Amino acid sequence: MIFTETALRGAFIIDVQAREDERGMFARTFCQQEFAAHGLKVEVAQCNLSVNHRAGTLRGLHYQLAPAAETKLVRCTRGAVLDVIVDLRPESPTYLEHVAVELSEHNRRALYVPELFAHGYQALTDGAEVTYQVGEFYTPGYERGLRYDDPRLGIAWPLPVSTISEKDAAWPLLASEAVLS
């Protein structure tokens, strides 16, 4: 695997090193030793799958507070998505900055999302399928979110939002609420 740190310290793009022959392709997508060597958490509490019927579908931006803060390893296995993470670590020099990465079945990239990062994505294709390994159990009392269209974040989603959950559309704007409370 090839680990490339993003502009947000601790968040990595992970590319596979494909080995191809007449049978097809093989690549490792996760290795505890390699992740630990890059200072990444290796615990996996849950593995999730989401299927997005229409391009433009937006999911997120979600995070969980301590003690249930999550790491995520996100990969698009069918179609393509624009995956966005926002740094919510108050002490970080990149606090409230974001990074956007296209994940697709063709580039086989993954995005490692550290604790205290909001995470969301927009389907760029109909039928986009996303898998993610999560380092903590989903804990509703610690779940929070940011508005996808919050002007303070300035995220440029590539498509008009075609579908979004009521909950994701209703997260408060940053100006009206403390992020980590």
N, C-alpha and C. Protein backbone atom coordinates (compact mmCIF):
# COMPACT_ATOMS: atom_id res chain seq x y z
N MET A 1 0.84 -1.18 0.00
CA MET A 1 0.00 0.00 0.00
C MET A 1 0.89 1.24 0.00
N ILE A 2 0.36 2.29 -0.58
CA ILE A 2 1.08 3.55 -0.63
C ILE A 2 0.29 4.55 0.20
N PHE A 3 0.91 5.09 1.25
CA PHE A 3 0.28 6.02 2.18
C PHE A 3 0.72 7.44 1.84
N THR A 4 -0.24 8.32 1.55
CA THR A 4 0.06 9.71 1.26
C THR A 4 -0.71 10.58 2.24
N GLU A 5 0.01 11.30 3.10
CA GLU A 5 -0.67 12.16 4.06
C GLU A 5 -1.27 13.37 3.34
N THR A 6 -2.49 13.72 3.71
CA THR A 6 -3.15 14.88 3.12
C THR A 6 -2.67 16.15 3.81
N ALA A 7 -3.23 17.28 3.43
CA ALA A 7 -2.90 18.56 4.06
C ALA A 7 -3.40 18.61 5.50
N LEU A 8 -4.26 17.67 5.89
CA LEU A 8 -4.77 17.59 7.26
C LEU A 8 -3.99 16.49 7.99
N ARG A 9 -3.13 16.90 8.91
CA ARG A 9 -2.25 15.96 9.61
C ARG A 9 -3.01 14.76 10.15
N GLY A 10 -2.50 13.56 9.84
CA GLY A 10 -3.09 12.32 10.33
C GLY A 10 -4.11 11.69 9.41
N ALA A 11 -4.54 12.42 8.38
CA ALA A 11 -5.48 11.88 7.39
C ALA A 11 -4.69 11.45 6.16
N PHE A 12 -4.92 10.22 5.71
CA PHE A 12 -4.12 9.65 4.63
C PHE A 12 -4.99 9.15 3.48
N ILE A 13 -4.47 9.35 2.26
CA ILE A 13 -4.98 8.65 1.08
C ILE A 13 -4.16 7.37 0.98
N ILE A 14 -4.83 6.26 0.77
CA ILE A 14 -4.13 4.98 0.70
C ILE A 14 -4.43 4.35 -0.66
N ASP A 15 -3.37 4.19 -1.44
CA ASP A 15 -3.48 3.56 -2.76
C ASP A 15 -2.99 2.13 -2.67
N VAL A 16 -3.64 1.26 -3.41
CA VAL A 16 -3.22 -0.14 -3.43
C VAL A 16 -2.04 -0.30 -4.38
N GLN A 17 -1.26 -1.34 -4.13
CA GLN A 17 -0.19 -1.73 -5.05
C GLN A 17 -0.67 -3.01 -5.70
N ALA A 18 -1.24 -2.86 -6.87
CA ALA A 18 -1.86 -3.98 -7.57
C ALA A 18 -0.81 -4.91 -8.16
N ARG A 19 -1.08 -6.19 -8.02
CA ARG A 19 -0.29 -7.22 -8.68
C ARG A 19 -1.22 -7.90 -9.67
N GLU A 20 -0.86 -7.78 -10.94
CA GLU A 20 -1.74 -8.29 -11.99
C GLU A 20 -1.07 -9.42 -12.75
N ASP A 21 -1.89 -10.36 -13.17
CA ASP A 21 -1.45 -11.43 -14.06
C ASP A 21 -2.65 -11.88 -14.87
N GLU A 22 -2.51 -13.02 -15.54
CA GLU A 22 -3.58 -13.49 -16.42
C GLU A 22 -4.89 -13.77 -15.68
N ARG A 23 -4.84 -13.95 -14.36
CA ARG A 23 -6.06 -14.20 -13.57
C ARG A 23 -6.82 -12.93 -13.26
N GLY A 24 -6.11 -11.81 -13.20
CA GLY A 24 -6.71 -10.55 -12.81
C GLY A 24 -5.78 -9.75 -11.92
N MET A 25 -6.30 -9.24 -10.83
CA MET A 25 -5.54 -8.35 -9.95
C MET A 25 -5.70 -8.77 -8.51
N PHE A 26 -4.65 -8.56 -7.72
CA PHE A 26 -4.68 -8.79 -6.28
C PHE A 26 -3.99 -7.61 -5.62
N ALA A 27 -4.55 -7.14 -4.50
CA ALA A 27 -3.91 -6.06 -3.74
C ALA A 27 -4.35 -6.15 -2.28
N ARG A 28 -3.47 -5.79 -1.41
CA ARG A 28 -3.80 -5.71 0.02
C ARG A 28 -4.49 -4.36 0.26
N THR A 29 -5.58 -4.37 1.02
CA THR A 29 -6.30 -3.12 1.32
C THR A 29 -6.18 -2.71 2.78
N PHE A 30 -5.68 -3.61 3.62
CA PHE A 30 -5.51 -3.30 5.04
C PHE A 30 -4.46 -4.22 5.62
N CYS A 31 -3.59 -3.67 6.45
CA CYS A 31 -2.57 -4.44 7.15
C CYS A 31 -2.28 -3.72 8.47
N GLN A 32 -2.52 -4.39 9.58
CA GLN A 32 -2.30 -3.77 10.88
C GLN A 32 -0.88 -3.23 11.02
N GLN A 33 0.10 -3.98 10.58
CA GLN A 33 1.49 -3.55 10.72
C GLN A 33 1.78 -2.29 9.92
N GLU A 34 1.32 -2.23 8.69
CA GLU A 34 1.57 -1.06 7.85
C GLU A 34 0.84 0.17 8.38
N PHE A 35 -0.40 -0.02 8.83
CA PHE A 35 -1.14 1.11 9.40
C PHE A 35 -0.46 1.61 10.66
N ALA A 36 -0.08 0.71 11.55
CA ALA A 36 0.59 1.09 12.80
C ALA A 36 1.92 1.80 12.51
N ALA A 37 2.64 1.37 11.49
CA ALA A 37 3.92 2.00 11.13
C ALA A 37 3.73 3.45 10.71
N HIS A 38 2.53 3.82 10.26
CA HIS A 38 2.22 5.20 9.89
C HIS A 38 1.50 5.95 11.01
N GLY A 39 1.43 5.34 12.19
CA GLY A 39 0.80 5.98 13.35
C GLY A 39 -0.71 5.97 13.32
N LEU A 40 -1.30 5.07 12.52
CA LEU A 40 -2.75 5.02 12.39
C LEU A 40 -3.33 3.96 13.31
N LYS A 41 -4.53 4.21 13.80
CA LYS A 41 -5.20 3.23 14.65
C LYS A 41 -5.62 2.04 13.81
N VAL A 42 -5.49 0.86 14.38
CA VAL A 42 -5.75 -0.35 13.61
C VAL A 42 -7.00 -1.10 14.07
N GLU A 43 -7.68 -0.63 15.12
CA GLU A 43 -8.87 -1.31 15.61
C GLU A 43 -10.02 -1.13 14.62
N VAL A 44 -10.77 -2.20 14.41
CA VAL A 44 -11.97 -2.16 13.59
C VAL A 44 -13.11 -2.69 14.44
N ALA A 45 -14.09 -1.84 14.75
CA ALA A 45 -15.24 -2.23 15.55
C ALA A 45 -16.42 -2.61 14.67
N GLN A 46 -16.55 -1.95 13.52
CA GLN A 46 -17.67 -2.19 12.61
C GLN A 46 -17.21 -2.01 11.17
N CYS A 47 -17.87 -2.72 10.27
CA CYS A 47 -17.69 -2.50 8.83
C CYS A 47 -19.06 -2.18 8.25
N ASN A 48 -19.13 -1.10 7.49
CA ASN A 48 -20.40 -0.62 6.96
C ASN A 48 -20.38 -0.58 5.44
N LEU A 49 -21.57 -0.66 4.86
CA LEU A 49 -21.76 -0.59 3.42
C LEU A 49 -22.92 0.35 3.16
N SER A 50 -22.75 1.26 2.21
CA SER A 50 -23.88 2.09 1.78
C SER A 50 -23.95 2.08 0.26
N VAL A 51 -25.18 2.04 -0.23
CA VAL A 51 -25.44 2.08 -1.66
C VAL A 51 -26.26 3.33 -1.92
N ASN A 52 -25.88 4.08 -2.91
CA ASN A 52 -26.51 5.37 -3.22
C ASN A 52 -27.13 5.27 -4.60
N HIS A 53 -28.45 5.33 -4.65
CA HIS A 53 -29.16 5.09 -5.90
C HIS A 53 -28.87 6.13 -6.97
N ARG A 54 -28.76 7.41 -6.55
CA ARG A 54 -28.65 8.48 -7.56
C ARG A 54 -27.41 9.33 -7.35
N ALA A 55 -26.81 9.73 -8.45
CA ALA A 55 -25.72 10.71 -8.39
C ALA A 55 -26.27 11.97 -7.73
N GLY A 56 -25.45 12.62 -6.94
CA GLY A 56 -25.87 13.81 -6.22
C GLY A 56 -26.28 13.52 -4.78
N THR A 57 -26.51 12.25 -4.45
CA THR A 57 -26.85 11.89 -3.07
C THR A 57 -25.72 12.30 -2.16
N LEU A 58 -26.06 12.93 -1.04
CA LEU A 58 -25.07 13.40 -0.09
C LEU A 58 -25.31 12.75 1.26
N ARG A 59 -24.26 12.22 1.85
CA ARG A 59 -24.31 11.62 3.19
C ARG A 59 -23.28 12.32 4.06
N GLY A 60 -23.72 12.85 5.20
CA GLY A 60 -22.79 13.49 6.13
C GLY A 60 -23.08 14.97 6.25
N LEU A 61 -22.29 15.59 7.00
CA LEU A 61 -20.95 15.32 7.51
C LEU A 61 -21.07 14.83 8.96
N HIS A 62 -20.62 13.63 9.27
CA HIS A 62 -20.82 13.01 10.57
C HIS A 62 -19.52 12.87 11.36
N TYR A 63 -19.66 12.86 12.68
CA TYR A 63 -18.55 12.53 13.58
C TYR A 63 -19.14 12.12 14.91
N GLN A 64 -18.32 11.52 15.76
CA GLN A 64 -18.72 11.16 17.11
C GLN A 64 -17.73 11.79 18.09
N LEU A 65 -18.28 12.22 19.24
CA LEU A 65 -17.46 12.80 20.30
C LEU A 65 -16.80 11.71 21.13
N ALA A 66 -15.71 12.06 21.83
CA ALA A 66 -15.09 11.16 22.80
C ALA A 66 -16.11 10.88 23.91
N PRO A 67 -16.14 9.73 24.46
CA PRO A 67 -15.18 8.63 24.30
C PRO A 67 -15.51 7.70 23.14
N ALA A 68 -16.42 8.08 22.26
CA ALA A 68 -16.81 7.23 21.14
C ALA A 68 -16.30 7.77 19.80
N ALA A 69 -15.24 8.59 19.83
CA ALA A 69 -14.69 9.16 18.60
C ALA A 69 -14.24 8.04 17.67
N GLU A 70 -14.52 8.21 16.38
CA GLU A 70 -14.28 7.16 15.39
C GLU A 70 -13.11 7.49 14.47
N THR A 71 -12.41 6.44 14.07
CA THR A 71 -11.57 6.50 12.88
C THR A 71 -12.36 5.78 11.80
N LYS A 72 -12.06 6.08 10.54
CA LYS A 72 -12.74 5.41 9.43
C LYS A 72 -11.72 5.15 8.32
N LEU A 73 -11.92 4.03 7.65
CA LEU A 73 -11.19 3.74 6.43
C LEU A 73 -12.26 3.54 5.36
N VAL A 74 -12.33 4.50 4.42
CA VAL A 74 -13.44 4.59 3.47
C VAL A 74 -12.95 4.25 2.06
N ARG A 75 -13.75 3.43 1.35
CA ARG A 75 -13.40 3.02 -0.01
C ARG A 75 -14.68 2.93 -0.84
N CYS A 76 -14.62 3.37 -2.08
CA CYS A 76 -15.74 3.24 -3.01
C CYS A 76 -15.48 2.01 -3.88
N THR A 77 -16.39 1.04 -3.82
CA THR A 77 -16.19 -0.22 -4.54
C THR A 77 -16.99 -0.30 -5.84
N ARG A 78 -17.94 0.60 -6.02
CA ARG A 78 -18.70 0.68 -7.27
C ARG A 78 -19.01 2.14 -7.54
N GLY A 79 -18.77 2.58 -8.77
CA GLY A 79 -19.04 3.97 -9.12
C GLY A 79 -17.97 4.89 -8.57
N ALA A 80 -18.40 6.10 -8.17
CA ALA A 80 -17.46 7.10 -7.68
C ALA A 80 -18.16 8.04 -6.70
N VAL A 81 -17.38 8.54 -5.73
CA VAL A 81 -17.87 9.53 -4.77
C VAL A 81 -16.79 10.59 -4.56
N LEU A 82 -17.23 11.77 -4.14
CA LEU A 82 -16.30 12.77 -3.63
C LEU A 82 -16.41 12.69 -2.12
N ASP A 83 -15.33 12.26 -1.48
CA ASP A 83 -15.30 12.09 -0.03
C ASP A 83 -14.66 13.34 0.59
N VAL A 84 -15.31 13.89 1.61
CA VAL A 84 -14.84 15.13 2.24
C VAL A 84 -14.66 14.90 3.73
N ILE A 85 -13.53 15.37 4.26
CA ILE A 85 -13.30 15.33 5.70
C ILE A 85 -12.98 16.74 6.19
N VAL A 86 -13.40 17.03 7.43
CA VAL A 86 -13.19 18.34 8.04
C VAL A 86 -12.49 18.13 9.37
N ASP A 87 -11.39 18.82 9.59
CA ASP A 87 -10.61 18.73 10.82
C ASP A 87 -11.34 19.47 11.94
N LEU A 88 -11.72 18.74 12.99
CA LEU A 88 -12.43 19.35 14.13
C LEU A 88 -11.57 19.38 15.39
N ARG A 89 -10.28 19.13 15.28
CA ARG A 89 -9.39 19.15 16.44
C ARG A 89 -9.08 20.61 16.79
N PRO A 90 -9.60 21.10 17.92
CA PRO A 90 -9.44 22.53 18.25
C PRO A 90 -7.99 23.02 18.27
N GLU A 91 -7.05 22.15 18.64
CA GLU A 91 -5.65 22.55 18.74
C GLU A 91 -4.92 22.48 17.41
N SER A 92 -5.57 21.96 16.38
CA SER A 92 -4.92 21.75 15.09
C SER A 92 -4.76 23.05 14.30
N PRO A 93 -3.61 23.22 13.63
CA PRO A 93 -3.45 24.40 12.78
C PRO A 93 -4.39 24.38 11.56
N THR A 94 -4.99 23.23 11.27
CA THR A 94 -5.93 23.12 10.14
C THR A 94 -7.37 22.97 10.63
N TYR A 95 -7.65 23.44 11.84
CA TYR A 95 -9.00 23.38 12.41
C TYR A 95 -10.02 23.99 11.44
N LEU A 96 -11.09 23.24 11.16
CA LEU A 96 -12.20 23.58 10.27
C LEU A 96 -11.82 23.62 8.78
N GLU A 97 -10.60 23.21 8.45
CA GLU A 97 -10.24 23.08 7.04
C GLU A 97 -10.69 21.70 6.56
N HIS A 98 -10.87 21.58 5.25
CA HIS A 98 -11.31 20.30 4.71
C HIS A 98 -10.44 19.85 3.55
N VAL A 99 -10.54 18.56 3.28
CA VAL A 99 -9.88 17.94 2.14
C VAL A 99 -10.95 17.12 1.42
N ALA A 100 -10.94 17.16 0.10
CA ALA A 100 -11.86 16.38 -0.72
C ALA A 100 -11.04 15.44 -1.60
N VAL A 101 -11.46 14.17 -1.63
CA VAL A 101 -10.75 13.15 -2.39
C VAL A 101 -11.77 12.34 -3.19
N GLU A 102 -11.52 12.17 -4.48
CA GLU A 102 -12.40 11.29 -5.26
C GLU A 102 -11.98 9.84 -5.02
N LEU A 103 -12.95 9.04 -4.61
CA LEU A 103 -12.76 7.62 -4.43
C LEU A 103 -13.62 6.93 -5.48
N SER A 104 -13.05 5.93 -6.16
CA SER A 104 -13.82 5.27 -7.21
C SER A 104 -13.40 3.82 -7.35
N GLU A 105 -14.26 3.08 -8.04
CA GLU A 105 -13.92 1.68 -8.34
C GLU A 105 -12.69 1.61 -9.23
N HIS A 106 -12.40 2.66 -9.97
CA HIS A 106 -11.28 2.65 -10.91
C HIS A 106 -9.95 3.00 -10.23
N ASN A 107 -9.96 4.00 -9.33
CA ASN A 107 -8.68 4.36 -8.69
C ASN A 107 -8.39 3.52 -7.45
N ARG A 108 -9.40 2.82 -6.94
CA ARG A 108 -9.25 1.90 -5.79
C ARG A 108 -8.63 2.56 -4.57
N ARG A 109 -8.76 3.86 -4.48
CA ARG A 109 -8.21 4.59 -3.32
C ARG A 109 -9.07 4.39 -2.09
N ALA A 110 -8.43 4.57 -0.94
CA ALA A 110 -9.14 4.63 0.33
C ALA A 110 -8.71 5.92 1.02
N LEU A 111 -9.55 6.38 1.93
CA LEU A 111 -9.24 7.56 2.73
C LEU A 111 -9.30 7.15 4.19
N TYR A 112 -8.20 7.40 4.92
CA TYR A 112 -8.17 7.14 6.36
C TYR A 112 -8.58 8.44 7.06
N VAL A 113 -9.63 8.35 7.87
CA VAL A 113 -10.19 9.50 8.57
C VAL A 113 -9.88 9.37 10.06
N PRO A 114 -9.07 10.28 10.62
CA PRO A 114 -8.74 10.20 12.04
C PRO A 114 -9.92 10.57 12.95
N GLU A 115 -9.76 10.33 14.24
CA GLU A 115 -10.76 10.76 15.21
C GLU A 115 -10.91 12.27 15.16
N LEU A 116 -12.10 12.75 15.49
CA LEU A 116 -12.45 14.17 15.54
C LEU A 116 -12.33 14.85 14.17
N PHE A 117 -12.69 14.08 13.14
CA PHE A 117 -12.86 14.62 11.80
C PHE A 117 -14.30 14.35 11.40
N ALA A 118 -14.98 15.35 10.86
CA ALA A 118 -16.29 15.12 10.27
C ALA A 118 -16.06 14.47 8.91
N HIS A 119 -16.97 13.60 8.53
CA HIS A 119 -16.82 12.85 7.28
C HIS A 119 -18.14 12.80 6.53
N GLY A 120 -18.08 13.01 5.23
CA GLY A 120 -19.25 12.87 4.39
C GLY A 120 -18.82 12.69 2.95
N TYR A 121 -19.78 12.33 2.12
CA TYR A 121 -19.46 12.18 0.71
C TYR A 121 -20.68 12.41 -0.15
N GLN A 122 -20.40 12.71 -1.43
CA GLN A 122 -21.45 12.86 -2.42
C GLN A 122 -21.22 11.84 -3.53
N ALA A 123 -22.27 11.10 -3.88
CA ALA A 123 -22.20 10.14 -4.98
C ALA A 123 -22.05 10.89 -6.29
N LEU A 124 -21.06 10.52 -7.07
CA LEU A 124 -20.83 11.13 -8.38
C LEU A 124 -21.47 10.31 -9.49
N THR A 125 -21.87 9.09 -9.18
CA THR A 125 -22.49 8.20 -10.15
C THR A 125 -23.72 7.55 -9.52
N ASP A 126 -24.65 7.16 -10.36
CA ASP A 126 -25.76 6.34 -9.88
C ASP A 126 -25.20 5.01 -9.39
N GLY A 127 -25.77 4.48 -8.32
CA GLY A 127 -25.36 3.18 -7.81
C GLY A 127 -24.02 3.16 -7.10
N ALA A 128 -23.50 4.30 -6.67
CA ALA A 128 -22.20 4.33 -5.98
C ALA A 128 -22.31 3.53 -4.67
N GLU A 129 -21.33 2.67 -4.47
CA GLU A 129 -21.30 1.80 -3.29
C GLU A 129 -20.04 2.12 -2.48
N VAL A 130 -20.21 2.33 -1.19
CA VAL A 130 -19.10 2.74 -0.32
C VAL A 130 -19.02 1.77 0.85
N THR A 131 -17.81 1.32 1.15
CA THR A 131 -17.58 0.50 2.33
C THR A 131 -16.67 1.28 3.26
N TYR A 132 -16.89 1.11 4.56
CA TYR A 132 -15.97 1.72 5.49
C TYR A 132 -15.85 0.91 6.76
N GLN A 133 -14.58 0.81 7.18
CA GLN A 133 -14.24 0.17 8.44
C GLN A 133 -14.19 1.28 9.48
N VAL A 134 -14.82 1.05 10.62
CA VAL A 134 -14.93 2.07 11.64
C VAL A 134 -14.27 1.56 12.92
N GLY A 135 -13.49 2.43 13.56
CA GLY A 135 -12.71 2.03 14.73
C GLY A 135 -13.45 2.09 16.05
N GLU A 136 -14.70 2.49 16.04
CA GLU A 136 -15.50 2.56 17.27
C GLU A 136 -16.93 2.21 16.91
N PHE A 137 -17.67 1.71 17.90
CA PHE A 137 -19.06 1.37 17.65
C PHE A 137 -19.91 2.63 17.50
N TYR A 138 -20.91 2.58 16.63
CA TYR A 138 -21.85 3.68 16.50
C TYR A 138 -22.54 3.89 17.84
N THR A 139 -22.48 5.13 18.34
CA THR A 139 -23.03 5.46 19.65
C THR A 139 -23.88 6.72 19.49
N PRO A 140 -25.22 6.55 19.33
CA PRO A 140 -26.09 7.69 19.01
C PRO A 140 -25.95 8.91 19.93
N GLY A 141 -25.74 8.72 21.21
CA GLY A 141 -25.62 9.84 22.12
C GLY A 141 -24.39 10.71 21.89
N TYR A 142 -23.42 10.19 21.14
CA TYR A 142 -22.18 10.93 20.86
C TYR A 142 -22.10 11.39 19.41
N GLU A 143 -23.13 11.08 18.64
CA GLU A 143 -23.14 11.46 17.22
C GLU A 143 -23.41 12.95 17.07
N ARG A 144 -22.68 13.56 16.15
CA ARG A 144 -22.89 14.96 15.80
C ARG A 144 -22.72 15.10 14.30
N GLY A 145 -22.98 16.30 13.80
CA GLY A 145 -22.79 16.53 12.38
C GLY A 145 -22.63 18.00 12.06
N LEU A 146 -22.13 18.25 10.87
CA LEU A 146 -21.99 19.60 10.33
C LEU A 146 -22.87 19.70 9.10
N ARG A 147 -23.36 20.89 8.82
CA ARG A 147 -24.15 21.10 7.62
C ARG A 147 -23.25 21.06 6.38
N TYR A 148 -23.68 20.33 5.40
CA TYR A 148 -22.92 20.18 4.16
C TYR A 148 -22.74 21.51 3.43
N ASP A 149 -23.68 22.45 3.65
CA ASP A 149 -23.66 23.73 2.95
C ASP A 149 -23.27 24.90 3.86
N ASP A 150 -22.62 24.59 4.97
CA ASP A 150 -22.22 25.65 5.92
C ASP A 150 -21.22 26.59 5.22
N PRO A 151 -21.55 27.88 5.12
CA PRO A 151 -20.65 28.80 4.42
C PRO A 151 -19.27 28.91 5.08
N ARG A 152 -19.20 28.64 6.38
CA ARG A 152 -17.90 28.73 7.07
C ARG A 152 -16.95 27.62 6.58
N LEU A 153 -17.49 26.51 6.13
CA LEU A 153 -16.65 25.42 5.63
C LEU A 153 -16.26 25.63 4.17
N GLY A 154 -17.15 26.21 3.37
CA GLY A 154 -16.85 26.51 1.98
C GLY A 154 -16.59 25.29 1.12
N ILE A 155 -17.30 24.21 1.36
CA ILE A 155 -17.11 22.99 0.57
C ILE A 155 -17.83 23.15 -0.77
N ALA A 156 -17.11 22.89 -1.84
CA ALA A 156 -17.68 22.98 -3.18
C ALA A 156 -18.06 21.56 -3.64
N TRP A 157 -19.31 21.19 -3.40
CA TRP A 157 -19.79 19.88 -3.85
C TRP A 157 -19.93 19.95 -5.37
N PRO A 158 -19.51 18.91 -6.08
CA PRO A 158 -19.48 18.99 -7.54
C PRO A 158 -20.85 18.92 -8.23
N LEU A 159 -21.85 18.35 -7.56
CA LEU A 159 -23.18 18.19 -8.15
C LEU A 159 -24.22 18.85 -7.27
N PRO A 160 -25.35 19.25 -7.84
CA PRO A 160 -26.45 19.67 -6.97
C PRO A 160 -26.86 18.48 -6.09
N VAL A 161 -27.27 18.75 -4.87
CA VAL A 161 -27.67 17.69 -3.96
C VAL A 161 -29.03 17.16 -4.42
N SER A 162 -29.07 15.89 -4.82
CA SER A 162 -30.32 15.29 -5.30
C SER A 162 -31.09 14.62 -4.16
N THR A 163 -30.36 14.06 -3.18
CA THR A 163 -30.98 13.36 -2.06
C THR A 163 -30.11 13.57 -0.83
N ILE A 164 -30.77 13.86 0.30
CA ILE A 164 -30.07 14.00 1.58
C ILE A 164 -31.08 13.66 2.67
N SER A 165 -30.63 13.09 3.77
CA SER A 165 -31.55 12.76 4.85
C SER A 165 -31.99 14.05 5.56
N GLU A 166 -33.16 13.99 6.18
CA GLU A 166 -33.65 15.14 6.94
C GLU A 166 -32.66 15.52 8.03
N LYS A 167 -32.09 14.51 8.70
CA LYS A 167 -31.14 14.77 9.78
C LYS A 167 -29.91 15.51 9.26
N ASP A 168 -29.35 15.04 8.12
CA ASP A 168 -28.14 15.68 7.58
C ASP A 168 -28.43 17.10 7.09
N ALA A 169 -29.61 17.35 6.57
CA ALA A 169 -29.97 18.69 6.11
C ALA A 169 -30.22 19.65 7.27
N ALA A 170 -30.46 19.11 8.47
CA ALA A 170 -30.85 19.94 9.62
C ALA A 170 -29.73 20.19 10.62
N TRP A 171 -28.52 19.65 10.40
CA TRP A 171 -27.45 19.94 11.36
C TRP A 171 -27.29 21.46 11.46
N PRO A 172 -26.99 21.99 12.66
CA PRO A 172 -26.86 23.45 12.80
C PRO A 172 -25.62 24.00 12.10
N LEU A 173 -25.69 25.26 11.74
CA LEU A 173 -24.52 25.95 11.19
C LEU A 173 -23.49 26.16 12.28
N LEU A 174 -22.24 26.22 11.92
CA LEU A 174 -21.16 26.40 12.90
C LEU A 174 -21.32 27.67 13.71
N ALA A 175 -21.81 28.73 13.10
CA ALA A 175 -21.97 30.00 13.82
C ALA A 175 -22.97 29.89 14.97
N SER A 176 -23.84 28.89 14.91
CA SER A 176 -24.89 28.79 15.92
C SER A 176 -24.65 27.74 16.99
N GLU A 177 -23.54 26.99 16.91
CA GLU A 177 -23.31 25.94 17.89
C GLU A 177 -21.83 25.62 18.03
N ALA A 178 -21.42 25.28 19.25
CA ALA A 178 -20.05 24.83 19.47
C ALA A 178 -19.89 23.45 18.86
N VAL A 179 -18.78 23.20 18.19
CA VAL A 179 -18.58 21.96 17.44
C VAL A 179 -18.44 20.75 18.35
N LEU A 180 -17.58 20.81 19.32
CA LEU A 180 -17.27 19.62 20.12
C LEU A 180 -17.96 19.61 21.47
N SER A 181 -19.23 19.96 21.50
CA SER A 181 -19.96 19.89 22.77
C SER A 181 -21.20 19.05 22.61
